[in-house]
């Protein structure tokens, strides 16, 4: 998804990391970059709001129960890998910081009727 406007951080990249932002898993610099983008991009802000509502709904309907930490970490990592894979994004953590590469290949699937 792209709103068509130039941004410091690409829309697809922001949306691929929106759950990391919601879960406070970004470092301070990345958090600030993503939030700057959301402040200037209405479509991404709307999508962020939807994801935030889904997270709140899930938390409320699960009654506050929490998975064991090991399962929680495994699920979180697998979800992150899947999101990055589907968005053709690679993330590399280096001593000098995090490197994010976005390949904007569009994949279209047909819906079964």
Foldseek 3Di string as FASTA:
>chain_A
DAPPDDAPDGLLVLLLCLVCLLVVVDPPVVNVRSVVCLVVDPVSVVVSVVVNVVVVVVCVVVVNDDDPPVVVVVVVVVSSVVSCVVQVWDWDQDPVGIDIDGDRDDDDDDDDD
